[in-house]
Amino acid sequence: MSVVTVTEAIKLSGKSAATFYRHLKTGKVSRATDGSGGIDTSELVRVYGELKETTQKTTKIPVVENNDISRENEWLKGQIEQLQQDMRELKSESLEREKRLMALLEHKKESDSGILGKLFK
């Protein structure tokens, strides 16, 4: 048998959502053990007997949600681009800092090798 979502299981069982959720809560109906959180159709047959026929599942996503998703995707893309730019700038700053530190170390080595450096070592 196959695993279906809770919504599909409610339709297949012919029960109301409240009744079905109550049966889930009390343990009369069990969720699938595959970790999907769905309901195995064999479990529905065990508890409710023959399943109700359903029409082919057609999901209509409102245009508003698509627009919201598109806006969110664009915002996220902008955030990613900004973070990438920040990373490039931080890397550049880090390299500049490293160059300055290396120059300071080289300068210190040169000043230590002089007469005063040998006297006060």
N, C-alpha and C. Protein backbone atom coordinates (compact mmCIF):
# COMPACT_ATOMS: atom_id res chain seq x y z
N MET A 1 0.84 -1.19 0.00
CA MET A 1 0.00 0.00 0.00
C MET A 1 0.88 1.24 0.00
N SER A 2 0.24 2.39 -0.15
CA SER A 2 1.01 3.62 -0.22
C SER A 2 0.70 4.53 0.97
N VAL A 3 1.58 5.48 1.17
CA VAL A 3 1.43 6.45 2.25
C VAL A 3 0.80 7.71 1.66
N VAL A 4 -0.21 8.23 2.35
CA VAL A 4 -0.91 9.44 1.89
C VAL A 4 -0.82 10.50 2.99
N THR A 5 -1.05 11.74 2.60
CA THR A 5 -1.05 12.82 3.58
C THR A 5 -2.28 12.70 4.47
N VAL A 6 -2.29 13.41 5.57
CA VAL A 6 -3.44 13.38 6.48
C VAL A 6 -4.68 13.89 5.76
N THR A 7 -4.52 14.95 4.98
CA THR A 7 -5.67 15.50 4.23
C THR A 7 -6.26 14.45 3.29
N GLU A 8 -5.38 13.74 2.56
CA GLU A 8 -5.86 12.69 1.67
C GLU A 8 -6.50 11.54 2.46
N ALA A 9 -5.92 11.23 3.62
CA ALA A 9 -6.46 10.16 4.45
C ALA A 9 -7.86 10.51 4.94
N ILE A 10 -8.08 11.77 5.28
CA ILE A 10 -9.41 12.21 5.72
C ILE A 10 -10.41 12.00 4.59
N LYS A 11 -10.04 12.38 3.36
CA LYS A 11 -10.94 12.20 2.22
C LYS A 11 -11.20 10.72 1.95
N LEU A 12 -10.14 9.90 2.02
CA LEU A 12 -10.30 8.47 1.75
C LEU A 12 -11.15 7.77 2.81
N SER A 13 -11.04 8.23 4.05
CA SER A 13 -11.79 7.58 5.13
C SER A 13 -13.25 8.02 5.14
N GLY A 14 -13.54 9.19 4.60
CA GLY A 14 -14.90 9.70 4.61
C GLY A 14 -15.29 10.30 5.96
N LYS A 15 -14.35 10.45 6.86
CA LYS A 15 -14.61 11.02 8.19
C LYS A 15 -14.35 12.52 8.15
N SER A 16 -14.88 13.20 9.16
CA SER A 16 -14.60 14.63 9.27
C SER A 16 -13.16 14.80 9.77
N ALA A 17 -12.62 15.99 9.54
CA ALA A 17 -11.26 16.26 9.98
C ALA A 17 -11.15 16.14 11.50
N ALA A 18 -12.15 16.64 12.22
CA ALA A 18 -12.12 16.58 13.68
C ALA A 18 -12.10 15.13 14.16
N THR A 19 -12.94 14.29 13.57
CA THR A 19 -12.99 12.87 13.95
C THR A 19 -11.67 12.19 13.63
N PHE A 20 -11.15 12.45 12.45
CA PHE A 20 -9.90 11.80 12.05
C PHE A 20 -8.75 12.20 12.98
N TYR A 21 -8.65 13.49 13.28
CA TYR A 21 -7.58 13.95 14.19
C TYR A 21 -7.76 13.37 15.60
N ARG A 22 -8.99 13.21 16.03
CA ARG A 22 -9.25 12.60 17.32
C ARG A 22 -8.78 11.14 17.30
N HIS A 23 -9.05 10.43 16.20
CA HIS A 23 -8.60 9.05 16.07
C HIS A 23 -7.07 8.97 16.06
N LEU A 24 -6.41 9.94 15.45
CA LEU A 24 -4.94 9.99 15.48
C LEU A 24 -4.44 10.19 16.91
N LYS A 25 -5.09 11.14 17.60
CA LYS A 25 -4.66 11.49 18.96
C LYS A 25 -4.84 10.31 19.93
N THR A 26 -5.92 9.60 19.79
CA THR A 26 -6.20 8.48 20.71
C THR A 26 -5.47 7.21 20.30
N GLY A 27 -4.88 7.19 19.11
CA GLY A 27 -4.14 6.02 18.67
C GLY A 27 -4.96 5.01 17.89
N LYS A 28 -6.20 5.34 17.61
CA LYS A 28 -7.02 4.43 16.81
C LYS A 28 -6.43 4.29 15.41
N VAL A 29 -5.88 5.40 14.90
CA VAL A 29 -5.19 5.42 13.60
C VAL A 29 -3.74 5.79 13.87
N SER A 30 -2.82 5.07 13.24
CA SER A 30 -1.39 5.34 13.43
C SER A 30 -0.80 5.97 12.19
N ARG A 31 0.23 6.78 12.42
CA ARG A 31 0.98 7.36 11.30
C ARG A 31 1.93 6.30 10.75
N ALA A 32 2.38 6.53 9.52
CA ALA A 32 3.32 5.60 8.88
C ALA A 32 4.65 5.61 9.63
N THR A 33 5.31 4.48 9.63
CA THR A 33 6.58 4.36 10.37
C THR A 33 7.78 4.78 9.53
N ASP A 34 7.55 5.26 8.30
CA ASP A 34 8.67 5.64 7.43
C ASP A 34 9.19 7.05 7.72
N GLY A 35 8.60 7.74 8.71
CA GLY A 35 9.07 9.06 9.07
C GLY A 35 8.46 10.18 8.25
N SER A 36 7.57 9.85 7.33
CA SER A 36 6.98 10.87 6.46
C SER A 36 5.88 11.65 7.17
N GLY A 37 5.33 11.10 8.23
CA GLY A 37 4.24 11.75 8.93
C GLY A 37 2.88 11.48 8.30
N GLY A 38 2.88 10.73 7.20
CA GLY A 38 1.64 10.41 6.52
C GLY A 38 0.96 9.20 7.13
N ILE A 39 -0.08 8.74 6.44
CA ILE A 39 -0.86 7.59 6.90
C ILE A 39 -0.80 6.52 5.82
N ASP A 40 -0.48 5.31 6.20
CA ASP A 40 -0.45 4.20 5.25
C ASP A 40 -1.90 3.83 4.92
N THR A 41 -2.18 3.61 3.65
CA THR A 41 -3.56 3.29 3.26
C THR A 41 -4.01 1.96 3.85
N SER A 42 -3.08 1.04 4.11
CA SER A 42 -3.47 -0.22 4.73
C SER A 42 -3.99 0.03 6.15
N GLU A 43 -3.45 1.04 6.82
CA GLU A 43 -3.94 1.43 8.16
C GLU A 43 -5.37 1.96 8.06
N LEU A 44 -5.65 2.72 7.01
CA LEU A 44 -7.01 3.25 6.81
C LEU A 44 -7.99 2.11 6.57
N VAL A 45 -7.59 1.13 5.78
CA VAL A 45 -8.46 -0.02 5.51
C VAL A 45 -8.69 -0.80 6.80
N ARG A 46 -7.66 -0.98 7.61
CA ARG A 46 -7.78 -1.71 8.88
C ARG A 46 -8.80 -1.05 9.80
N VAL A 47 -8.76 0.30 9.89
CA VAL A 47 -9.61 1.01 10.83
C VAL A 47 -11.00 1.28 10.27
N TYR A 48 -11.08 1.71 9.01
CA TYR A 48 -12.35 2.18 8.46
C TYR A 48 -12.97 1.25 7.42
N GLY A 49 -12.28 0.20 7.05
CA GLY A 49 -12.82 -0.69 6.02
C GLY A 49 -12.53 -0.12 4.65
N GLU A 50 -13.44 -0.36 3.72
CA GLU A 50 -13.23 0.07 2.34
C GLU A 50 -13.09 1.59 2.25
N LEU A 51 -12.15 2.02 1.44
CA LEU A 51 -11.88 3.45 1.30
C LEU A 51 -12.81 4.09 0.29
N LYS A 52 -13.04 5.37 0.47
CA LYS A 52 -13.87 6.13 -0.47
C LYS A 52 -13.02 6.48 -1.69
N GLU A 53 -13.66 6.53 -2.84
CA GLU A 53 -12.94 6.92 -4.05
C GLU A 53 -12.77 8.43 -4.06
N THR A 54 -11.62 8.85 -4.52
CA THR A 54 -11.38 10.29 -4.65
C THR A 54 -11.03 10.59 -6.09
N THR A 55 -11.30 11.80 -6.48
CA THR A 55 -10.93 12.22 -7.82
C THR A 55 -9.44 12.53 -7.84
N GLN A 56 -8.90 12.63 -9.03
CA GLN A 56 -7.48 12.96 -9.16
C GLN A 56 -7.18 14.25 -8.43
N LYS A 57 -6.11 14.26 -7.69
CA LYS A 57 -5.74 15.42 -6.89
C LYS A 57 -5.32 16.57 -7.80
N THR A 58 -6.01 17.69 -7.67
CA THR A 58 -5.62 18.89 -8.40
C THR A 58 -5.43 19.99 -7.39
N THR A 59 -4.25 20.53 -7.35
CA THR A 59 -3.93 21.58 -6.40
C THR A 59 -3.87 22.90 -7.13
N LYS A 60 -4.67 23.84 -6.67
CA LYS A 60 -4.65 25.18 -7.24
C LYS A 60 -3.95 26.09 -6.25
N ILE A 61 -2.85 26.66 -6.69
CA ILE A 61 -2.12 27.60 -5.85
C ILE A 61 -2.57 28.99 -6.25
N PRO A 62 -3.09 29.74 -5.29
CA PRO A 62 -3.55 31.09 -5.63
C PRO A 62 -2.41 31.95 -6.18
N VAL A 63 -2.77 32.84 -7.08
CA VAL A 63 -1.79 33.72 -7.71
C VAL A 63 -1.10 34.58 -6.66
N VAL A 64 -1.83 34.96 -5.63
CA VAL A 64 -1.26 35.78 -4.57
C VAL A 64 -0.07 35.08 -3.94
N GLU A 65 -0.20 33.77 -3.68
CA GLU A 65 0.91 33.03 -3.08
C GLU A 65 2.10 32.98 -4.02
N ASN A 66 1.83 32.80 -5.34
CA ASN A 66 2.93 32.77 -6.30
C ASN A 66 3.66 34.10 -6.30
N ASN A 67 2.90 35.20 -6.25
CA ASN A 67 3.54 36.51 -6.22
C ASN A 67 4.35 36.69 -4.94
N ASP A 68 3.79 36.23 -3.83
CA ASP A 68 4.52 36.32 -2.56
C ASP A 68 5.80 35.51 -2.63
N ILE A 69 5.72 34.33 -3.20
CA ILE A 69 6.90 33.48 -3.32
C ILE A 69 7.92 34.13 -4.24
N SER A 70 7.46 34.70 -5.34
CA SER A 70 8.37 35.37 -6.26
C SER A 70 9.06 36.54 -5.58
N ARG A 71 8.29 37.33 -4.83
CA ARG A 71 8.89 38.46 -4.12
C ARG A 71 9.90 37.97 -3.08
N GLU A 72 9.54 36.93 -2.37
CA GLU A 72 10.45 36.39 -1.36
C GLU A 72 11.72 35.85 -2.00
N ASN A 73 11.57 35.15 -3.15
CA ASN A 73 12.74 34.64 -3.86
C ASN A 73 13.65 35.78 -4.30
N GLU A 74 13.07 36.84 -4.83
CA GLU A 74 13.86 37.99 -5.26
C GLU A 74 14.57 38.62 -4.07
N TRP A 75 13.87 38.74 -2.95
CA TRP A 75 14.48 39.31 -1.75
C TRP A 75 15.65 38.45 -1.29
N LEU A 76 15.43 37.12 -1.28
CA LEU A 76 16.48 36.20 -0.86
C LEU A 76 17.68 36.26 -1.80
N LYS A 77 17.43 36.37 -3.10
CA LYS A 77 18.53 36.50 -4.06
C LYS A 77 19.33 37.77 -3.78
N GLY A 78 18.63 38.85 -3.46
CA GLY A 78 19.30 40.10 -3.12
C GLY A 78 20.15 39.95 -1.87
N GLN A 79 19.61 39.23 -0.88
CA GLN A 79 20.36 38.99 0.35
C GLN A 79 21.62 38.17 0.07
N ILE A 80 21.49 37.17 -0.78
CA ILE A 80 22.64 36.33 -1.13
C ILE A 80 23.70 37.16 -1.83
N GLU A 81 23.28 37.98 -2.78
CA GLU A 81 24.24 38.84 -3.50
C GLU A 81 24.94 39.79 -2.53
N GLN A 82 24.19 40.36 -1.59
CA GLN A 82 24.79 41.28 -0.62
C GLN A 82 25.79 40.55 0.27
N LEU A 83 25.43 39.35 0.71
CA LEU A 83 26.35 38.57 1.54
C LEU A 83 27.61 38.18 0.78
N GLN A 84 27.46 37.84 -0.50
CA GLN A 84 28.63 37.52 -1.30
C GLN A 84 29.53 38.73 -1.46
N GLN A 85 28.93 39.91 -1.66
CA GLN A 85 29.71 41.13 -1.77
C GLN A 85 30.42 41.43 -0.45
N ASP A 86 29.72 41.25 0.66
CA ASP A 86 30.33 41.46 1.98
C ASP A 86 31.52 40.52 2.18
N MET A 87 31.37 39.28 1.76
CA MET A 87 32.45 38.31 1.90
C MET A 87 33.66 38.73 1.06
N ARG A 88 33.43 39.20 -0.16
CA ARG A 88 34.54 39.66 -1.00
C ARG A 88 35.27 40.83 -0.35
N GLU A 89 34.49 41.77 0.20
CA GLU A 89 35.09 42.93 0.85
C GLU A 89 35.89 42.51 2.09
N LEU A 90 35.34 41.61 2.89
CA LEU A 90 36.05 41.15 4.08
C LEU A 90 37.33 40.41 3.71
N LYS A 91 37.28 39.64 2.65
CA LYS A 91 38.47 38.93 2.20
C LYS A 91 39.54 39.92 1.75
N SER A 92 39.12 40.93 1.02
CA SER A 92 40.06 41.96 0.57
C SER A 92 40.68 42.69 1.76
N GLU A 93 39.85 43.06 2.74
CA GLU A 93 40.35 43.74 3.94
C GLU A 93 41.32 42.84 4.70
N SER A 94 41.00 41.56 4.76
CA SER A 94 41.86 40.62 5.46
C SER A 94 43.22 40.52 4.78
N LEU A 95 43.22 40.46 3.46
CA LEU A 95 44.49 40.39 2.72
C LEU A 95 45.32 41.66 2.93
N GLU A 96 44.66 42.82 2.92
CA GLU A 96 45.36 44.08 3.16
C GLU A 96 45.96 44.11 4.56
N ARG A 97 45.20 43.65 5.54
CA ARG A 97 45.68 43.60 6.92
C ARG A 97 46.89 42.68 7.02
N GLU A 98 46.83 41.55 6.34
CA GLU A 98 47.94 40.60 6.36
C GLU A 98 49.19 41.22 5.74
N LYS A 99 49.03 41.95 4.65
CA LYS A 99 50.17 42.61 4.00
C LYS A 99 50.80 43.64 4.95
N ARG A 100 49.96 44.43 5.63
CA ARG A 100 50.48 45.43 6.57
C ARG A 100 51.24 44.76 7.72
N LEU A 101 50.69 43.68 8.25
CA LEU A 101 51.36 42.97 9.34
C LEU A 101 52.69 42.38 8.89
N MET A 102 52.72 41.83 7.68
CA MET A 102 53.97 41.28 7.16
C MET A 102 55.00 42.39 7.00
N ALA A 103 54.58 43.55 6.52
CA ALA A 103 55.50 44.68 6.37
C ALA A 103 56.03 45.12 7.72
N LEU A 104 55.18 45.16 8.75
CA LEU A 104 55.62 45.52 10.09
C LEU A 104 56.63 44.52 10.64
N LEU A 105 56.39 43.24 10.41
CA LEU A 105 57.32 42.22 10.87
C LEU A 105 58.67 42.33 10.17
N GLU A 106 58.64 42.58 8.86
CA GLU A 106 59.89 42.74 8.12
C GLU A 106 60.64 43.98 8.60
N HIS A 107 59.93 45.04 8.87
CA HIS A 107 60.55 46.27 9.36
C HIS A 107 61.18 46.04 10.74
N LYS A 108 60.49 45.28 11.59
CA LYS A 108 61.02 44.98 12.92
C LYS A 108 62.30 44.16 12.82
N LYS A 109 62.35 43.19 11.91
CA LYS A 109 63.55 42.38 11.72
C LYS A 109 64.73 43.25 11.29
N GLU A 110 64.49 44.19 10.40
CA GLU A 110 65.54 45.08 9.91
C GLU A 110 66.06 45.96 11.04
N SER A 111 65.18 46.50 11.88
CA SER A 111 65.61 47.38 12.95
C SER A 111 66.32 46.60 14.06
N ASP A 112 65.99 45.35 14.26
CA ASP A 112 66.65 44.53 15.27
C ASP A 112 68.08 44.17 14.86
N SER A 113 68.35 44.16 13.59
CA SER A 113 69.68 43.75 13.13
C SER A 113 70.70 44.89 13.20
N GLY A 114 70.29 46.09 13.56
CA GLY A 114 71.23 47.22 13.67
C GLY A 114 72.04 47.13 14.95
N ILE A 115 72.95 48.12 15.16
CA ILE A 115 73.85 48.14 16.34
C ILE A 115 73.02 48.22 17.61
N LEU A 116 72.01 49.10 17.66
CA LEU A 116 71.19 49.23 18.86
C LEU A 116 70.43 47.94 19.13
N GLY A 117 70.00 47.28 18.11
CA GLY A 117 69.29 46.02 18.27
C GLY A 117 70.17 44.97 18.91
N LYS A 118 71.45 44.96 18.55
CA LYS A 118 72.38 43.98 19.12
C LYS A 118 72.72 44.32 20.56
N LEU A 119 72.83 45.62 20.87
CA LEU A 119 73.16 46.05 22.24
C LEU A 119 72.03 45.78 23.21
N PHE A 120 70.82 46.01 22.80
CA PHE A 120 69.68 45.91 23.71
C PHE A 120 68.88 44.63 23.53
N LYS A 121 69.50 43.64 23.05
CA LYS A 121 68.81 42.40 22.80
C LYS A 121 68.60 41.60 24.04
